[in-house]
């Protein structure tokens, strides 16, 4: 159950950050961390899910 809760919180935070950035800034460009890794996504949500899962 904790895993599901962590996933839901991660999705919610990801959407909140995405909408917040698009409300604050008129144009939001997608960046690549490294060509090998592909597009940089929000690692914060994964880290938060791990932290909540351990609690």
PDB file of N, CA and C in Angstrom:
ATOM      1  N   UNK A   1       0.817  -1.187   0.000  1.00  0.00           N
ATOM      2  CA  UNK A   1       0.000   0.000   0.000  1.00  0.00           C
ATOM      3  C   UNK A   1       0.872   1.266   0.000  1.00  0.00           C
ATOM      4  N   UNK A   2       1.987   1.187   0.704  1.00  0.00           N
ATOM      5  CA  UNK A   2       2.893   2.340   0.737  1.00  0.00           C
ATOM      6  C   UNK A   2       3.481   2.626  -0.640  1.00  0.00           C
ATOM      7  N   UNK A   3       3.713   1.580  -1.414  1.00  0.00           N
ATOM      8  CA  UNK A   3       4.253   1.764  -2.758  1.00  0.00           C
ATOM      9  C   UNK A   3       3.260   2.504  -3.651  1.00  0.00           C
ATOM     10  N   UNK A   4       2.003   2.136  -3.545  1.00  0.00           N
ATOM     11  CA  UNK A   4       0.965   2.801  -4.329  1.00  0.00           C
ATOM     12  C   UNK A   4       0.842   4.262  -3.905  1.00  0.00           C
ATOM     13  N   UNK A   5       0.877   4.509  -2.603  1.00  0.00           N
ATOM     14  CA  UNK A   5       0.794   5.885  -2.099  1.00  0.00           C
ATOM     15  C   UNK A   5       1.982   6.714  -2.584  1.00  0.00           C
ATOM     16  N   UNK A   6       3.172   6.126  -2.574  1.00  0.00           N
ATOM     17  CA  UNK A   6       4.364   6.838  -3.046  1.00  0.00           C
ATOM     18  C   UNK A   6       4.258   7.143  -4.535  1.00  0.00           C
ATOM     19  N   UNK A   7       3.723   6.220  -5.304  1.00  0.00           N
ATOM     20  CA  UNK A   7       3.553   6.449  -6.738  1.00  0.00           C
ATOM     21  C   UNK A   7       2.548   7.565  -6.992  1.00  0.00           C
ATOM     22  N   UNK A   8       1.461   7.566  -6.252  1.00  0.00           N
ATOM     23  CA  UNK A   8       0.441   8.611  -6.407  1.00  0.00           C
ATOM     24  C   UNK A   8       1.013   9.972  -6.025  1.00  0.00           C
ATOM     25  N   UNK A   9       1.753  10.035  -4.926  1.00  0.00           N
ATOM     26  CA  UNK A   9       2.379  11.292  -4.515  1.00  0.00           C
ATOM     27  C   UNK A   9       3.391  11.750  -5.565  1.00  0.00           C
ATOM     28  N   UNK A  10       4.155  10.838  -6.114  1.00  0.00           N
ATOM     29  CA  UNK A  10       5.130  11.187  -7.142  1.00  0.00           C
ATOM     30  C   UNK A  10       4.474  11.755  -8.390  1.00  0.00           C
ATOM     31  N   UNK A  11       3.406  11.137  -8.826  1.00  0.00           N
ATOM     32  CA  UNK A  11       2.682  11.634 -10.001  1.00  0.00           C
ATOM     33  C   UNK A  11       2.085  12.998  -9.710  1.00  0.00           C
ATOM     34  N   UNK A  12       1.493  13.155  -8.550  1.00  0.00           N
ATOM     35  CA  UNK A  12       0.890  14.435  -8.170  1.00  0.00           C
ATOM     36  C   UNK A  12       1.932  15.550  -8.127  1.00  0.00           C
ATOM     37  N   UNK A  13       3.081  15.294  -7.519  1.00  0.00           N
ATOM     38  CA  UNK A  13       4.132  16.305  -7.460  1.00  0.00           C
ATOM     39  C   UNK A  13       4.688  16.621  -8.846  1.00  0.00           C
ATOM     40  N   UNK A  14       4.843  15.601  -9.672  1.00  0.00           N
ATOM     41  CA  UNK A  14       5.327  15.818 -11.031  1.00  0.00           C
ATOM     42  C   UNK A  14       4.375  16.731 -11.804  1.00  0.00           C
ATOM     43  N   UNK A  15       3.080  16.476 -11.702  1.00  0.00           N
ATOM     44  CA  UNK A  15       2.095  17.322 -12.370  1.00  0.00           C
ATOM     45  C   UNK A  15       2.074  18.730 -11.791  1.00  0.00           C
ATOM     46  N   UNK A  16       2.189  18.841 -10.474  1.00  0.00           N
ATOM     47  CA  UNK A  16       2.190  20.158  -9.843  1.00  0.00           C
ATOM     48  C   UNK A  16       3.383  20.992 -10.303  1.00  0.00           C
ATOM     49  N   UNK A  17       4.539  20.371 -10.384  1.00  0.00           N
ATOM     50  CA  UNK A  17       5.738  21.082 -10.845  1.00  0.00           C
ATOM     51  C   UNK A  17       5.578  21.461 -12.314  1.00  0.00           C
ATOM     52  N   UNK A  18       5.062  20.532 -13.124  1.00  0.00           N
ATOM     53  CA  UNK A  18       4.885  20.795 -14.557  1.00  0.00           C
ATOM     54  C   UNK A  18       3.928  21.960 -14.778  1.00  0.00           C
ATOM     55  N   UNK A  19       2.767  21.928 -14.118  1.00  0.00           N
ATOM     56  CA  UNK A  19       1.804  23.011 -14.276  1.00  0.00           C
ATOM     57  C   UNK A  19       2.350  24.316 -13.713  1.00  0.00           C
ATOM     58  N   UNK A  20       3.050  24.248 -12.585  1.00  0.00           N
ATOM     59  CA  UNK A  20       3.637  25.454 -11.999  1.00  0.00           C
ATOM     60  C   UNK A  20       4.629  26.118 -12.932  1.00  0.00           C
ATOM     61  N   UNK A  21       5.488  25.324 -13.544  1.00  0.00           N
ATOM     62  CA  UNK A  21       6.462  25.882 -14.486  1.00  0.00           C
ATOM     63  C   UNK A  21       5.782  26.514 -15.694  1.00  0.00           C
ATOM     64  N   UNK A  22       4.718  25.881 -16.176  1.00  0.00           N
ATOM     65  CA  UNK A  22       4.038  26.410 -17.353  1.00  0.00           C
ATOM     66  C   UNK A  22       3.188  27.635 -17.026  1.00  0.00           C
ATOM     67  N   UNK A  23       2.783  27.790 -15.784  1.00  0.00           N
ATOM     68  CA  UNK A  23       2.044  28.988 -15.383  1.00  0.00           C
ATOM     69  C   UNK A  23       3.007  30.153 -15.177  1.00  0.00           C
ATOM     70  N   UNK A  24       4.154  29.894 -14.560  1.00  0.00           N
ATOM     71  CA  UNK A  24       5.114  30.954 -14.252  1.00  0.00           C
ATOM     72  C   UNK A  24       5.840  31.441 -15.497  1.00  0.00           C
ATOM     73  N   UNK A  25       6.265  30.504 -16.346  1.00  0.00           N
ATOM     74  CA  UNK A  25       7.046  30.862 -17.523  1.00  0.00           C
ATOM     75  C   UNK A  25       6.210  30.715 -18.784  1.00  0.00           C
ATOM     76  N   UNK A  26       6.350  31.678 -19.685  1.00  0.00           N
ATOM     77  CA  UNK A  26       5.588  31.645 -20.933  1.00  0.00           C
ATOM     78  C   UNK A  26       6.062  30.518 -21.847  1.00  0.00           C
ATOM     79  N   UNK A  27       7.367  30.237 -21.832  1.00  0.00           N
ATOM     80  CA  UNK A  27       7.923  29.194 -22.691  1.00  0.00           C
ATOM     81  C   UNK A  27       8.837  28.301 -21.859  1.00  0.00           C
ATOM     82  N   UNK A  28       8.592  27.002 -21.908  1.00  0.00           N
ATOM     83  CA  UNK A  28       9.410  26.036 -21.176  1.00  0.00           C
ATOM     84  C   UNK A  28      10.006  25.079 -22.205  1.00  0.00           C
ATOM     85  N   UNK A  29      11.339  25.079 -22.313  1.00  0.00           N
ATOM     86  CA  UNK A  29      12.026  24.232 -23.290  1.00  0.00           C
ATOM     87  C   UNK A  29      12.463  22.928 -22.626  1.00  0.00           C
ATOM     88  N   UNK A  30      12.415  21.862 -23.390  1.00  0.00           N
ATOM     89  CA  UNK A  30      12.877  20.567 -22.906  1.00  0.00           C
ATOM     90  C   UNK A  30      14.379  20.482 -23.104  1.00  0.00           C
ATOM     91  N   UNK A  31      15.111  20.035 -22.097  1.00  0.00           N
ATOM     92  CA  UNK A  31      16.571  19.931 -22.156  1.00  0.00           C
ATOM     93  C   UNK A  31      16.994  18.476 -22.063  1.00  0.00           C
ATOM     94  N   UNK A  32      18.159  18.190 -22.606  1.00  0.00           N
ATOM     95  CA  UNK A  32      18.730  16.863 -22.483  1.00  0.00           C
ATOM     96  C   UNK A  32      19.934  16.924 -21.551  1.00  0.00           C
ATOM     97  N   UNK A  33      19.975  15.997 -20.600  1.00  0.00           N
ATOM     98  CA  UNK A  33      21.093  15.928 -19.668  1.00  0.00           C
ATOM     99  C   UNK A  33      22.342  15.449 -20.407  1.00  0.00           C
ATOM    100  N   UNK A  34      22.241  14.319 -21.041  1.00  0.00           N
ATOM    101  CA  UNK A  34      23.298  13.760 -21.892  1.00  0.00           C
ATOM    102  C   UNK A  34      22.620  13.066 -23.057  1.00  0.00           C
ATOM    103  N   UNK A  35      23.253  13.063 -24.189  1.00  0.00           N
ATOM    104  CA  UNK A  35      22.661  12.407 -25.345  1.00  0.00           C
ATOM    105  C   UNK A  35      22.416  10.917 -25.078  1.00  0.00           C
ATOM    106  N   UNK A  36      23.308  10.306 -24.310  1.00  0.00           N
ATOM    107  CA  UNK A  36      23.190   8.878 -24.031  1.00  0.00           C
ATOM    108  C   UNK A  36      21.982   8.587 -23.145  1.00  0.00           C
ATOM    109  N   UNK A  37      21.724   9.465 -22.177  1.00  0.00           N
ATOM    110  CA  UNK A  37      20.633   9.238 -21.231  1.00  0.00           C
ATOM    111  C   UNK A  37      19.276   9.632 -21.790  1.00  0.00           C
ATOM    112  N   UNK A  38      19.253  10.386 -22.855  1.00  0.00           N
ATOM    113  CA  UNK A  38      17.982  10.820 -23.409  1.00  0.00           C
ATOM    114  C   UNK A  38      17.455  12.031 -22.665  1.00  0.00           C
ATOM    115  N   UNK A  39      16.163  12.197 -22.676  1.00  0.00           N
ATOM    116  CA  UNK A  39      15.559  13.376 -22.055  1.00  0.00           C
ATOM    117  C   UNK A  39      15.623  13.282 -20.542  1.00  0.00           C
ATOM    118  N   UNK A  40      15.927  14.410 -19.930  1.00  0.00           N
ATOM    119  CA  UNK A  40      16.000  14.501 -18.475  1.00  0.00           C
ATOM    120  C   UNK A  40      14.593  14.635 -17.925  1.00  0.00           C
ATOM    121  N   UNK A  41      14.178  13.686 -17.115  1.00  0.00           N
ATOM    122  CA  UNK A  41      12.861  13.762 -16.485  1.00  0.00           C
ATOM    123  C   UNK A  41      13.042  14.069 -15.009  1.00  0.00           C
ATOM    124  N   UNK A  42      11.994  14.152 -14.297  1.00  0.00           N
ATOM    125  CA  UNK A  42      12.022  14.582 -12.906  1.00  0.00           C
ATOM    126  C   UNK A  42      12.488  13.453 -11.989  1.00  0.00           C
ATOM    127  N   UNK A  43      13.786  13.389 -11.668  1.00  0.00           N
ATOM    128  CA  UNK A  43      14.267  12.352 -10.752  1.00  0.00           C
ATOM    129  C   UNK A  43      13.797  12.613  -9.326  1.00  0.00           C
ATOM    130  N   UNK A  44      13.355  13.827  -9.060  1.00  0.00           N
ATOM    131  CA  UNK A  44      12.861  14.165  -7.726  1.00  0.00           C
ATOM    132  C   UNK A  44      11.686  13.280  -7.337  1.00  0.00           C
ATOM    133  N   UNK A  45      10.808  12.981  -8.274  1.00  0.00           N
ATOM    134  CA  UNK A  45       9.645  12.154  -7.943  1.00  0.00           C
ATOM    135  C   UNK A  45      10.057  10.732  -7.595  1.00  0.00           C
ATOM    136  N   UNK A  46      11.065  10.212  -8.292  1.00  0.00           N
ATOM    137  CA  UNK A  46      11.546   8.875  -7.959  1.00  0.00           C
ATOM    138  C   UNK A  46      12.225   8.857  -6.596  1.00  0.00           C
ATOM    139  N   UNK A  47      13.011   9.890  -6.314  1.00  0.00           N
ATOM    140  CA  UNK A  47      13.690   9.967  -5.015  1.00  0.00           C
ATOM    141  C   UNK A  47      12.668  10.099  -3.894  1.00  0.00           C
ATOM    142  N   UNK A  48      11.649  10.910  -4.109  1.00  0.00           N
ATOM    143  CA  UNK A  48      10.601  11.073  -3.101  1.00  0.00           C
ATOM    144  C   UNK A  48       9.851   9.760  -2.877  1.00  0.00           C
ATOM    145  N   UNK A  49       9.588   9.045  -3.938  1.00  0.00           N
ATOM    146  CA  UNK A  49       8.910   7.757  -3.801  1.00  0.00           C
ATOM    147  C   UNK A  49       9.749   6.786  -2.980  1.00  0.00           C
ATOM    148  N   UNK A  50      11.067   6.791  -3.204  1.00  0.00           N
ATOM    149  CA  UNK A  50      11.946   5.917  -2.415  1.00  0.00           C
ATOM    150  C   UNK A  50      11.940   6.309  -0.940  1.00  0.00           C
ATOM    151  N   UNK A  51      11.979   7.616  -0.675  1.00  0.00           N
ATOM    152  CA  UNK A  51      11.989   8.101   0.708  1.00  0.00           C
ATOM    153  C   UNK A  51      10.692   7.721   1.402  1.00  0.00           C
ATOM    154  N   UNK A  52       9.559   7.939   0.719  1.00  0.00           N
ATOM    155  CA  UNK A  52       8.272   7.599   1.324  1.00  0.00           C
ATOM    156  C   UNK A  52       8.112   6.096   1.507  1.00  0.00           C
ATOM    157  N   UNK A  53       8.684   5.327   0.615  1.00  0.00           N
ATOM    158  CA  UNK A  53       8.599   3.879   0.725  1.00  0.00           C
ATOM    159  C   UNK A  53       9.393   3.360   1.924  1.00  0.00           C
ATOM    160  N   UNK A  54      10.506   4.012   2.242  1.00  0.00           N
ATOM    161  CA  UNK A  54      11.342   3.590   3.358  1.00  0.00           C
ATOM    162  C   UNK A  54      10.726   3.969   4.697  1.00  0.00           C
ATOM    163  N   UNK A  55       9.885   5.005   4.727  1.00  0.00           N
ATOM    164  CA  UNK A  55       9.310   5.498   5.995  1.00  0.00           C
ATOM    165  C   UNK A  55       8.312   4.536   6.573  1.00  0.00           C
TER     166      UNK A  55
END
